N, C-alpha and C. Protein backbone atom coordinates (compact mmCIF):
# COMPACT_ATOMS: atom_id res chain seq x y z
N MET A 1 -11.54 23.65 20.20
CA MET A 1 -11.47 22.20 20.26
C MET A 1 -11.02 21.67 18.90
N ALA A 2 -10.11 20.72 18.93
CA ALA A 2 -9.65 20.10 17.69
C ALA A 2 -10.77 19.26 17.08
N GLU A 3 -10.70 19.06 15.78
CA GLU A 3 -11.71 18.25 15.11
C GLU A 3 -11.62 16.81 15.62
N ILE A 4 -12.78 16.23 15.93
CA ILE A 4 -12.85 14.87 16.42
C ILE A 4 -13.32 13.97 15.28
N LYS A 5 -12.48 13.03 14.88
CA LYS A 5 -12.85 12.09 13.82
C LYS A 5 -12.92 10.66 14.35
N SER A 6 -12.39 10.44 15.55
CA SER A 6 -12.46 9.12 16.17
C SER A 6 -12.36 9.28 17.68
N ILE A 7 -12.65 8.22 18.38
CA ILE A 7 -12.57 8.27 19.85
C ILE A 7 -11.14 8.54 20.31
N PHE A 8 -10.17 8.20 19.47
CA PHE A 8 -8.76 8.43 19.82
C PHE A 8 -8.39 9.90 19.76
N ASP A 9 -9.24 10.74 19.18
CA ASP A 9 -8.99 12.18 19.11
C ASP A 9 -9.47 12.93 20.35
N LEU A 10 -10.10 12.24 21.28
CA LEU A 10 -10.57 12.89 22.51
C LEU A 10 -9.39 13.44 23.30
N ASP A 11 -9.63 14.53 24.03
CA ASP A 11 -8.57 15.07 24.86
C ASP A 11 -8.31 14.15 26.05
N VAL A 12 -7.14 14.25 26.62
CA VAL A 12 -6.70 13.36 27.69
C VAL A 12 -7.66 13.42 28.89
N GLU A 13 -8.12 14.61 29.25
CA GLU A 13 -9.01 14.73 30.42
C GLU A 13 -10.33 13.99 30.21
N THR A 14 -10.89 14.06 29.01
CA THR A 14 -12.13 13.33 28.72
C THR A 14 -11.89 11.83 28.79
N ILE A 15 -10.77 11.38 28.23
CA ILE A 15 -10.45 9.96 28.29
C ILE A 15 -10.30 9.51 29.75
N LYS A 16 -9.63 10.31 30.56
CA LYS A 16 -9.46 9.97 31.98
C LYS A 16 -10.81 9.88 32.69
N LYS A 17 -11.71 10.81 32.38
CA LYS A 17 -13.05 10.77 33.00
C LYS A 17 -13.80 9.51 32.56
N LEU A 18 -13.67 9.15 31.29
CA LEU A 18 -14.29 7.93 30.81
C LEU A 18 -13.70 6.73 31.53
N GLN A 19 -12.39 6.69 31.67
CA GLN A 19 -11.73 5.59 32.36
C GLN A 19 -12.18 5.50 33.81
N ASP A 20 -12.31 6.65 34.48
CA ASP A 20 -12.84 6.64 35.86
C ASP A 20 -14.24 6.04 35.89
N LYS A 21 -15.07 6.44 34.94
CA LYS A 21 -16.46 5.99 34.88
C LYS A 21 -16.56 4.48 34.70
N ILE A 22 -15.66 3.91 33.89
CA ILE A 22 -15.74 2.48 33.60
C ILE A 22 -14.84 1.64 34.51
N GLY A 23 -14.10 2.30 35.40
CA GLY A 23 -13.35 1.58 36.43
C GLY A 23 -11.99 1.03 36.04
N VAL A 24 -11.28 1.76 35.17
CA VAL A 24 -9.91 1.35 34.85
C VAL A 24 -8.95 2.49 35.22
N LYS A 25 -7.66 2.17 35.25
CA LYS A 25 -6.65 3.17 35.56
C LYS A 25 -6.78 4.34 34.59
N ALA A 26 -6.91 5.53 35.15
CA ALA A 26 -7.10 6.74 34.34
C ALA A 26 -5.76 7.28 33.89
N ASP A 27 -5.24 6.73 32.78
CA ASP A 27 -3.95 7.17 32.26
C ASP A 27 -4.10 8.06 31.02
N GLY A 28 -5.33 8.24 30.54
CA GLY A 28 -5.57 9.11 29.40
C GLY A 28 -5.30 8.48 28.05
N MET A 29 -5.05 7.17 28.03
CA MET A 29 -4.78 6.48 26.76
C MET A 29 -5.80 5.37 26.56
N ILE A 30 -6.29 5.25 25.34
CA ILE A 30 -7.26 4.21 25.02
C ILE A 30 -6.51 3.02 24.43
N GLY A 31 -6.48 1.95 25.20
CA GLY A 31 -5.85 0.72 24.77
C GLY A 31 -6.79 -0.44 24.99
N PRO A 32 -6.32 -1.67 24.82
CA PRO A 32 -7.18 -2.85 24.95
C PRO A 32 -7.86 -2.98 26.32
N LYS A 33 -7.17 -2.60 27.40
CA LYS A 33 -7.79 -2.71 28.74
C LYS A 33 -8.95 -1.72 28.88
N THR A 34 -8.77 -0.51 28.37
CA THR A 34 -9.84 0.48 28.41
C THR A 34 -11.02 0.01 27.56
N VAL A 35 -10.73 -0.49 26.38
CA VAL A 35 -11.81 -0.94 25.48
C VAL A 35 -12.54 -2.13 26.08
N THR A 36 -11.81 -3.07 26.68
CA THR A 36 -12.45 -4.23 27.33
C THR A 36 -13.38 -3.76 28.45
N ALA A 37 -12.90 -2.84 29.28
CA ALA A 37 -13.73 -2.30 30.37
C ALA A 37 -14.93 -1.54 29.82
N LEU A 38 -14.72 -0.80 28.73
CA LEU A 38 -15.82 -0.05 28.10
C LEU A 38 -16.88 -1.02 27.59
N GLN A 39 -16.45 -2.08 26.94
CA GLN A 39 -17.40 -3.07 26.42
C GLN A 39 -18.20 -3.70 27.55
N ALA A 40 -17.54 -4.08 28.63
CA ALA A 40 -18.23 -4.67 29.78
C ALA A 40 -19.21 -3.66 30.39
N PHE A 41 -18.78 -2.40 30.51
CA PHE A 41 -19.63 -1.35 31.05
C PHE A 41 -20.87 -1.15 30.18
N LEU A 42 -20.66 -1.08 28.87
CA LEU A 42 -21.80 -0.87 27.97
C LEU A 42 -22.76 -2.06 28.02
N ASN A 43 -22.24 -3.26 28.18
CA ASN A 43 -23.12 -4.43 28.36
C ASN A 43 -23.94 -4.28 29.62
N GLN A 44 -23.32 -3.81 30.72
CA GLN A 44 -24.05 -3.59 31.97
C GLN A 44 -25.13 -2.53 31.81
N GLN A 45 -24.89 -1.58 30.90
CA GLN A 45 -25.85 -0.49 30.67
C GLN A 45 -26.96 -0.91 29.71
N GLY A 46 -26.89 -2.14 29.20
CA GLY A 46 -27.96 -2.65 28.35
C GLY A 46 -27.68 -2.62 26.86
N ALA A 47 -26.42 -2.66 26.48
CA ALA A 47 -26.09 -2.67 25.04
C ALA A 47 -26.86 -3.80 24.35
N ASP A 48 -27.47 -3.46 23.22
CA ASP A 48 -28.25 -4.43 22.48
C ASP A 48 -27.92 -4.32 21.00
N PRO A 49 -27.30 -5.33 20.43
CA PRO A 49 -26.98 -6.62 21.03
C PRO A 49 -25.77 -6.52 21.96
N LYS A 50 -25.63 -7.51 22.83
CA LYS A 50 -24.50 -7.55 23.75
C LYS A 50 -23.20 -7.53 22.95
N LEU A 51 -22.22 -6.83 23.49
CA LEU A 51 -20.92 -6.73 22.83
C LEU A 51 -20.02 -7.89 23.23
N SER A 52 -19.18 -8.30 22.32
CA SER A 52 -18.10 -9.22 22.66
C SER A 52 -17.09 -8.41 23.47
N VAL A 53 -16.68 -8.91 24.60
CA VAL A 53 -15.71 -8.20 25.44
C VAL A 53 -14.33 -8.71 25.04
N ASP A 54 -13.82 -8.11 23.94
CA ASP A 54 -12.58 -8.60 23.34
C ASP A 54 -11.47 -7.55 23.25
N GLY A 55 -11.74 -6.33 23.73
CA GLY A 55 -10.72 -5.29 23.70
C GLY A 55 -10.49 -4.67 22.33
N LYS A 56 -11.34 -5.00 21.36
CA LYS A 56 -11.21 -4.45 20.01
C LYS A 56 -12.27 -3.38 19.80
N LEU A 57 -11.83 -2.19 19.46
CA LEU A 57 -12.74 -1.06 19.30
C LEU A 57 -13.25 -1.00 17.86
N GLY A 58 -14.40 -1.63 17.64
CA GLY A 58 -15.00 -1.65 16.31
C GLY A 58 -16.29 -0.88 16.28
N PRO A 59 -16.98 -0.91 15.13
CA PRO A 59 -18.21 -0.14 14.97
C PRO A 59 -19.32 -0.54 15.94
N LYS A 60 -19.39 -1.81 16.35
CA LYS A 60 -20.44 -2.22 17.29
C LYS A 60 -20.22 -1.57 18.66
N THR A 61 -18.97 -1.50 19.10
CA THR A 61 -18.67 -0.85 20.37
C THR A 61 -18.96 0.64 20.27
N ILE A 62 -18.56 1.26 19.16
CA ILE A 62 -18.82 2.70 18.98
C ILE A 62 -20.33 2.95 18.94
N LYS A 63 -21.10 2.12 18.23
CA LYS A 63 -22.56 2.29 18.19
C LYS A 63 -23.16 2.19 19.59
N ALA A 64 -22.70 1.22 20.38
CA ALA A 64 -23.22 1.05 21.74
C ALA A 64 -22.87 2.27 22.60
N LEU A 65 -21.66 2.81 22.43
CA LEU A 65 -21.27 4.00 23.17
C LEU A 65 -22.13 5.19 22.74
N GLN A 66 -22.37 5.31 21.44
CA GLN A 66 -23.21 6.40 20.94
C GLN A 66 -24.63 6.29 21.51
N GLU A 67 -25.17 5.09 21.56
CA GLU A 67 -26.51 4.90 22.14
C GLU A 67 -26.51 5.29 23.61
N TYR A 68 -25.47 4.91 24.33
CA TYR A 68 -25.36 5.23 25.76
C TYR A 68 -25.36 6.74 26.00
N VAL A 69 -24.66 7.49 25.15
CA VAL A 69 -24.56 8.94 25.36
C VAL A 69 -25.66 9.72 24.66
N GLY A 70 -26.47 9.06 23.82
CA GLY A 70 -27.57 9.74 23.15
C GLY A 70 -27.20 10.40 21.84
N ALA A 71 -26.13 9.92 21.21
CA ALA A 71 -25.72 10.45 19.91
C ALA A 71 -26.29 9.56 18.80
N GLU A 72 -26.23 10.06 17.57
CA GLU A 72 -26.66 9.25 16.43
C GLU A 72 -25.81 7.98 16.39
N SER A 73 -26.48 6.85 16.36
CA SER A 73 -25.80 5.55 16.43
C SER A 73 -25.43 5.07 15.03
N ASP A 74 -24.31 5.62 14.51
CA ASP A 74 -23.89 5.26 13.16
C ASP A 74 -22.57 4.52 13.12
N GLY A 75 -21.93 4.32 14.27
CA GLY A 75 -20.68 3.59 14.32
C GLY A 75 -19.46 4.40 13.95
N ALA A 76 -19.65 5.70 13.66
CA ALA A 76 -18.54 6.59 13.32
C ALA A 76 -18.46 7.67 14.39
N PHE A 77 -17.51 7.55 15.30
CA PHE A 77 -17.37 8.48 16.41
C PHE A 77 -16.80 9.79 15.90
N GLY A 78 -17.61 10.85 16.01
CA GLY A 78 -17.19 12.16 15.55
C GLY A 78 -17.51 13.24 16.56
N GLU A 79 -17.63 14.46 16.07
CA GLU A 79 -17.85 15.63 16.92
C GLU A 79 -19.10 15.52 17.79
N GLU A 80 -20.23 15.10 17.20
CA GLU A 80 -21.47 14.97 17.98
C GLU A 80 -21.29 13.95 19.10
N SER A 81 -20.72 12.81 18.77
CA SER A 81 -20.51 11.76 19.78
C SER A 81 -19.60 12.26 20.90
N ALA A 82 -18.54 12.98 20.52
CA ALA A 82 -17.60 13.51 21.52
C ALA A 82 -18.30 14.49 22.45
N ASN A 83 -19.11 15.39 21.88
CA ASN A 83 -19.83 16.36 22.72
C ASN A 83 -20.80 15.67 23.66
N LYS A 84 -21.55 14.70 23.15
CA LYS A 84 -22.52 14.00 23.99
C LYS A 84 -21.81 13.20 25.08
N LEU A 85 -20.66 12.60 24.75
CA LEU A 85 -19.89 11.86 25.75
C LEU A 85 -19.40 12.80 26.84
N THR A 86 -18.88 13.96 26.44
CA THR A 86 -18.39 14.93 27.41
C THR A 86 -19.49 15.32 28.39
N PHE A 87 -20.68 15.57 27.88
CA PHE A 87 -21.78 15.96 28.75
C PHE A 87 -22.26 14.79 29.60
N LYS A 88 -22.26 13.59 29.05
CA LYS A 88 -22.67 12.41 29.83
C LYS A 88 -21.71 12.19 30.99
N LEU A 89 -20.43 12.43 30.77
CA LEU A 89 -19.44 12.23 31.82
C LEU A 89 -19.54 13.30 32.91
N MET A 90 -20.29 14.35 32.66
CA MET A 90 -20.51 15.39 33.68
C MET A 90 -21.68 15.05 34.59
N GLU A 91 -22.37 13.94 34.34
CA GLU A 91 -23.53 13.57 35.14
C GLU A 91 -23.12 12.74 36.35
N ASN A 92 -23.85 12.96 37.46
CA ASN A 92 -23.66 12.09 38.61
C ASN A 92 -24.57 10.88 38.46
N GLU A 93 -24.63 10.04 39.47
CA GLU A 93 -25.42 8.80 39.39
C GLU A 93 -26.91 9.06 39.17
N GLU A 94 -27.39 10.23 39.56
CA GLU A 94 -28.80 10.57 39.40
C GLU A 94 -29.08 11.23 38.06
N GLY A 95 -28.05 11.36 37.22
CA GLY A 95 -28.24 11.98 35.92
C GLY A 95 -28.20 13.49 35.94
N GLU A 96 -27.80 14.08 37.08
CA GLU A 96 -27.71 15.53 37.18
C GLU A 96 -26.33 15.98 36.72
N LYS A 97 -26.27 17.13 36.02
CA LYS A 97 -24.99 17.66 35.56
C LYS A 97 -24.18 18.16 36.75
N VAL A 98 -22.90 17.78 36.76
CA VAL A 98 -21.98 18.23 37.79
C VAL A 98 -20.81 18.89 37.09
N VAL A 99 -20.59 20.16 37.36
CA VAL A 99 -19.51 20.91 36.72
C VAL A 99 -18.45 21.18 37.77
N SER A 100 -17.20 20.80 37.45
CA SER A 100 -16.15 20.97 38.44
C SER A 100 -15.02 21.89 37.96
N THR A 101 -15.01 22.24 36.69
CA THR A 101 -13.94 23.13 36.19
C THR A 101 -14.53 24.20 35.28
N ALA A 102 -13.76 25.25 35.11
CA ALA A 102 -14.19 26.33 34.22
C ALA A 102 -14.31 25.84 32.79
N SER A 103 -13.44 24.93 32.38
CA SER A 103 -13.52 24.43 31.00
C SER A 103 -14.79 23.63 30.77
N GLU A 104 -15.24 22.91 31.80
CA GLU A 104 -16.51 22.18 31.67
C GLU A 104 -17.68 23.15 31.54
N LEU A 105 -17.65 24.21 32.31
CA LEU A 105 -18.70 25.23 32.22
C LEU A 105 -18.66 25.89 30.84
N ASP A 106 -17.46 26.18 30.34
CA ASP A 106 -17.32 26.75 29.01
C ASP A 106 -17.89 25.80 27.96
N ALA A 107 -17.66 24.50 28.12
CA ALA A 107 -18.19 23.51 27.17
C ALA A 107 -19.72 23.53 27.18
N ILE A 108 -20.31 23.69 28.35
CA ILE A 108 -21.77 23.76 28.46
C ILE A 108 -22.30 24.98 27.71
N PHE A 109 -21.66 26.12 27.91
CA PHE A 109 -22.09 27.34 27.21
C PHE A 109 -21.91 27.21 25.70
N ASN A 110 -20.78 26.65 25.28
CA ASN A 110 -20.55 26.47 23.84
C ASN A 110 -21.60 25.55 23.22
N GLN A 111 -21.94 24.46 23.91
CA GLN A 111 -22.95 23.55 23.39
C GLN A 111 -24.32 24.23 23.34
N ALA A 112 -24.63 25.01 24.37
CA ALA A 112 -25.90 25.74 24.39
C ALA A 112 -25.98 26.70 23.21
N ARG A 113 -24.87 27.37 22.92
CA ARG A 113 -24.84 28.29 21.76
C ARG A 113 -25.07 27.53 20.46
N LYS A 114 -24.40 26.36 20.32
CA LYS A 114 -24.59 25.54 19.13
C LYS A 114 -26.04 25.10 19.00
N ASP A 115 -26.61 24.62 20.11
CA ASP A 115 -27.99 24.15 20.10
C ASP A 115 -28.95 25.27 19.72
N ALA A 116 -28.63 26.49 20.12
CA ALA A 116 -29.48 27.65 19.82
C ALA A 116 -29.19 28.22 18.43
N GLY A 117 -28.17 27.71 17.76
CA GLY A 117 -27.84 28.19 16.43
C GLY A 117 -27.11 29.52 16.40
N ILE A 118 -26.46 29.86 17.50
CA ILE A 118 -25.75 31.14 17.55
C ILE A 118 -24.24 30.96 17.69
N ALA A 119 -23.75 29.75 17.49
CA ALA A 119 -22.31 29.52 17.61
C ALA A 119 -21.62 29.61 16.27
């Protein structure tokens, strides 16, 4: 996996899954429409404080996304945030993990190795 320094570094498939989750056209690109939908989605999920739905991807939106996925809420989207987002997007409505591809299963094993300190 390439180094993740911002949400724009996510792979296309992860972005498409995020877009599916928030209800916008899954084109694999993060633009103002995706950010606006993300902000509205995070507000529905209980973002505190509520986000301005303005299509601008700033630290408040990143912090709310990090809180949603369970990552450290520091406003700097990096490797931890990307991993937590990937795993969150594998959950169904009941919060159960759903794996549909070999690469997703590989990601689960890689994360488990990291968590166990053997990666």
